[in-house]
N, C-alpha and C. Protein backbone atom coordinates (compact mmCIF):
# COMPACT_ATOMS: atom_id res chain seq x y z
N MET A 1 44.65 10.43 3.94
CA MET A 1 43.28 10.17 3.60
C MET A 1 43.17 8.79 2.95
N ALA A 2 42.09 8.10 3.23
CA ALA A 2 41.93 6.74 2.72
C ALA A 2 41.55 6.75 1.24
N TYR A 3 41.97 5.69 0.57
CA TYR A 3 41.65 5.53 -0.84
C TYR A 3 40.34 4.73 -0.92
N THR A 4 39.22 5.43 -1.20
CA THR A 4 37.90 4.80 -1.10
C THR A 4 37.25 4.53 -2.46
N ALA A 5 37.89 4.83 -3.54
CA ALA A 5 37.27 4.66 -4.86
C ALA A 5 36.86 3.20 -5.14
N PRO A 6 37.67 2.18 -4.86
CA PRO A 6 37.24 0.82 -5.15
C PRO A 6 36.00 0.40 -4.35
N ARG A 7 35.90 0.84 -3.10
CA ARG A 7 34.73 0.48 -2.29
C ARG A 7 33.46 1.13 -2.86
N THR A 8 33.56 2.35 -3.36
CA THR A 8 32.40 3.03 -3.92
C THR A 8 31.87 2.27 -5.13
N GLY A 9 32.76 1.77 -5.96
CA GLY A 9 32.34 1.00 -7.13
C GLY A 9 31.64 -0.28 -6.74
N ILE A 10 32.10 -0.93 -5.70
CA ILE A 10 31.48 -2.17 -5.23
C ILE A 10 30.08 -1.87 -4.70
N ARG A 11 29.95 -0.82 -3.91
CA ARG A 11 28.64 -0.47 -3.37
C ARG A 11 27.65 -0.13 -4.47
N THR A 12 28.11 0.59 -5.49
CA THR A 12 27.22 0.94 -6.59
C THR A 12 26.72 -0.30 -7.31
N ARG A 13 27.61 -1.26 -7.56
CA ARG A 13 27.19 -2.50 -8.22
C ARG A 13 26.21 -3.28 -7.35
N GLU A 14 26.45 -3.33 -6.04
CA GLU A 14 25.55 -4.04 -5.14
C GLU A 14 24.17 -3.38 -5.12
N ARG A 15 24.15 -2.06 -5.08
CA ARG A 15 22.89 -1.33 -5.04
C ARG A 15 22.09 -1.56 -6.33
N ARG A 16 22.76 -1.53 -7.47
CA ARG A 16 22.08 -1.77 -8.74
C ARG A 16 21.52 -3.19 -8.81
N ALA A 17 22.26 -4.15 -8.32
CA ALA A 17 21.78 -5.54 -8.33
C ALA A 17 20.57 -5.69 -7.42
N PHE A 18 20.58 -5.00 -6.29
CA PHE A 18 19.47 -5.10 -5.35
C PHE A 18 18.21 -4.46 -5.92
N THR A 19 18.32 -3.26 -6.49
CA THR A 19 17.13 -2.57 -6.99
C THR A 19 16.63 -3.16 -8.29
N ALA A 20 17.46 -3.87 -9.03
CA ALA A 20 17.01 -4.46 -10.29
C ALA A 20 16.06 -5.62 -10.05
N ASP A 21 16.15 -6.26 -8.89
CA ASP A 21 15.30 -7.42 -8.60
C ASP A 21 13.89 -7.02 -8.18
N ARG A 22 13.72 -5.83 -7.66
CA ARG A 22 12.42 -5.42 -7.14
C ARG A 22 11.62 -4.68 -8.19
N ARG A 23 10.30 -4.90 -8.19
CA ARG A 23 9.41 -4.13 -9.06
C ARG A 23 8.93 -2.94 -8.24
N VAL A 24 9.27 -1.76 -8.65
CA VAL A 24 8.96 -0.56 -7.89
C VAL A 24 7.52 -0.15 -8.17
N GLY A 25 6.75 0.09 -7.09
CA GLY A 25 5.41 0.60 -7.22
C GLY A 25 4.36 -0.43 -7.58
N ARG A 26 4.67 -1.70 -7.62
CA ARG A 26 3.71 -2.72 -7.97
C ARG A 26 3.53 -3.68 -6.81
N ARG A 27 2.29 -4.02 -6.54
CA ARG A 27 2.01 -4.94 -5.44
C ARG A 27 0.92 -5.90 -5.91
N HIS A 28 1.07 -7.15 -5.57
CA HIS A 28 0.06 -8.14 -5.95
C HIS A 28 -1.27 -7.80 -5.30
N PRO A 29 -2.37 -7.95 -6.02
CA PRO A 29 -3.68 -7.58 -5.46
C PRO A 29 -4.02 -8.31 -4.16
N LEU A 30 -3.60 -9.56 -4.02
CA LEU A 30 -3.89 -10.27 -2.77
C LEU A 30 -3.10 -9.70 -1.60
N VAL A 31 -1.88 -9.24 -1.85
CA VAL A 31 -1.09 -8.62 -0.79
C VAL A 31 -1.73 -7.30 -0.38
N ALA A 32 -2.17 -6.53 -1.36
CA ALA A 32 -2.84 -5.26 -1.05
C ALA A 32 -4.12 -5.50 -0.26
N THR A 33 -4.87 -6.53 -0.63
CA THR A 33 -6.10 -6.86 0.09
C THR A 33 -5.80 -7.27 1.53
N ALA A 34 -4.77 -8.07 1.71
CA ALA A 34 -4.39 -8.50 3.06
C ALA A 34 -3.93 -7.32 3.91
N MET A 35 -3.37 -6.31 3.29
CA MET A 35 -2.95 -5.14 4.05
C MET A 35 -4.15 -4.27 4.45
N VAL A 36 -5.19 -4.23 3.62
CA VAL A 36 -6.32 -3.34 3.86
C VAL A 36 -7.36 -3.96 4.79
N LEU A 37 -7.50 -5.28 4.78
CA LEU A 37 -8.56 -5.92 5.55
C LEU A 37 -8.56 -5.60 7.05
N PRO A 38 -7.42 -5.60 7.74
CA PRO A 38 -7.48 -5.25 9.17
C PRO A 38 -8.00 -3.83 9.42
N LEU A 39 -7.61 -2.89 8.59
CA LEU A 39 -8.11 -1.52 8.76
C LEU A 39 -9.60 -1.46 8.44
N ALA A 40 -10.03 -2.15 7.40
CA ALA A 40 -11.45 -2.16 7.05
C ALA A 40 -12.28 -2.77 8.19
N ALA A 41 -11.79 -3.85 8.77
CA ALA A 41 -12.52 -4.48 9.89
C ALA A 41 -12.60 -3.52 11.08
N LEU A 42 -11.53 -2.81 11.36
CA LEU A 42 -11.54 -1.85 12.46
C LEU A 42 -12.54 -0.73 12.20
N LEU A 43 -12.60 -0.23 10.98
CA LEU A 43 -13.54 0.84 10.65
C LEU A 43 -14.99 0.36 10.73
N VAL A 44 -15.25 -0.86 10.26
CA VAL A 44 -16.61 -1.40 10.35
C VAL A 44 -17.01 -1.52 11.81
N TYR A 45 -16.10 -1.99 12.65
CA TYR A 45 -16.41 -2.12 14.08
C TYR A 45 -16.61 -0.75 14.72
N ALA A 46 -15.75 0.21 14.38
CA ALA A 46 -15.80 1.52 15.01
C ALA A 46 -17.05 2.31 14.61
N PHE A 47 -17.54 2.11 13.39
CA PHE A 47 -18.65 2.92 12.92
C PHE A 47 -19.98 2.18 12.86
N GLY A 48 -20.07 1.04 13.50
CA GLY A 48 -21.36 0.42 13.69
C GLY A 48 -21.76 -0.66 12.72
N GLY A 49 -20.87 -1.20 11.96
CA GLY A 49 -21.19 -2.35 11.12
C GLY A 49 -21.62 -1.99 9.72
N TRP A 50 -22.03 -3.03 9.00
CA TRP A 50 -22.38 -2.89 7.58
C TRP A 50 -23.62 -2.04 7.37
N GLU A 51 -24.55 -2.03 8.31
CA GLU A 51 -25.76 -1.25 8.14
C GLU A 51 -25.44 0.23 8.00
N ALA A 52 -24.50 0.72 8.79
CA ALA A 52 -24.11 2.12 8.70
C ALA A 52 -23.45 2.42 7.35
N VAL A 53 -22.66 1.49 6.85
CA VAL A 53 -22.01 1.69 5.56
C VAL A 53 -23.06 1.74 4.46
N VAL A 54 -24.04 0.83 4.48
CA VAL A 54 -25.09 0.80 3.47
C VAL A 54 -25.94 2.07 3.55
N THR A 55 -26.25 2.51 4.75
CA THR A 55 -27.04 3.72 4.92
C THR A 55 -26.32 4.94 4.35
N GLN A 56 -25.04 5.05 4.65
CA GLN A 56 -24.27 6.18 4.14
C GLN A 56 -24.15 6.12 2.62
N ALA A 57 -23.92 4.94 2.08
CA ALA A 57 -23.79 4.80 0.63
C ALA A 57 -25.09 5.16 -0.08
N SER A 58 -26.22 4.72 0.48
CA SER A 58 -27.49 5.06 -0.16
C SER A 58 -27.78 6.55 -0.05
N SER A 59 -27.40 7.17 1.06
CA SER A 59 -27.59 8.61 1.21
C SER A 59 -26.77 9.38 0.18
N VAL A 60 -25.54 8.96 -0.01
CA VAL A 60 -24.70 9.61 -1.02
C VAL A 60 -25.27 9.39 -2.42
N GLY A 61 -25.79 8.19 -2.68
CA GLY A 61 -26.40 7.91 -3.98
C GLY A 61 -27.61 8.79 -4.23
N VAL A 62 -28.45 8.98 -3.23
CA VAL A 62 -29.63 9.85 -3.38
C VAL A 62 -29.17 11.29 -3.61
N MET A 63 -28.16 11.71 -2.87
CA MET A 63 -27.67 13.08 -3.01
C MET A 63 -27.10 13.33 -4.41
N LEU A 64 -26.49 12.31 -4.99
CA LEU A 64 -25.94 12.47 -6.35
C LEU A 64 -26.99 12.25 -7.43
N GLY A 65 -28.18 11.84 -7.03
CA GLY A 65 -29.26 11.66 -7.99
C GLY A 65 -29.29 10.31 -8.66
N ARG A 66 -28.83 9.29 -8.00
CA ARG A 66 -28.84 7.96 -8.61
C ARG A 66 -29.79 7.07 -7.87
């Protein structure tokens, strides 16, 4: 059987160095916006433009009593 203990230690150190550089769960707001814009544009196109969005928002506002 191969002696693998030294390789395991090297991999553990490499993994720790790699994950220490990244901020987990945080994304710059501009990056998040750039990710969302294509989907938002597709939804606006698919559901008839800004007029439909405004109509739905006002309907929800009336229903909530605002």
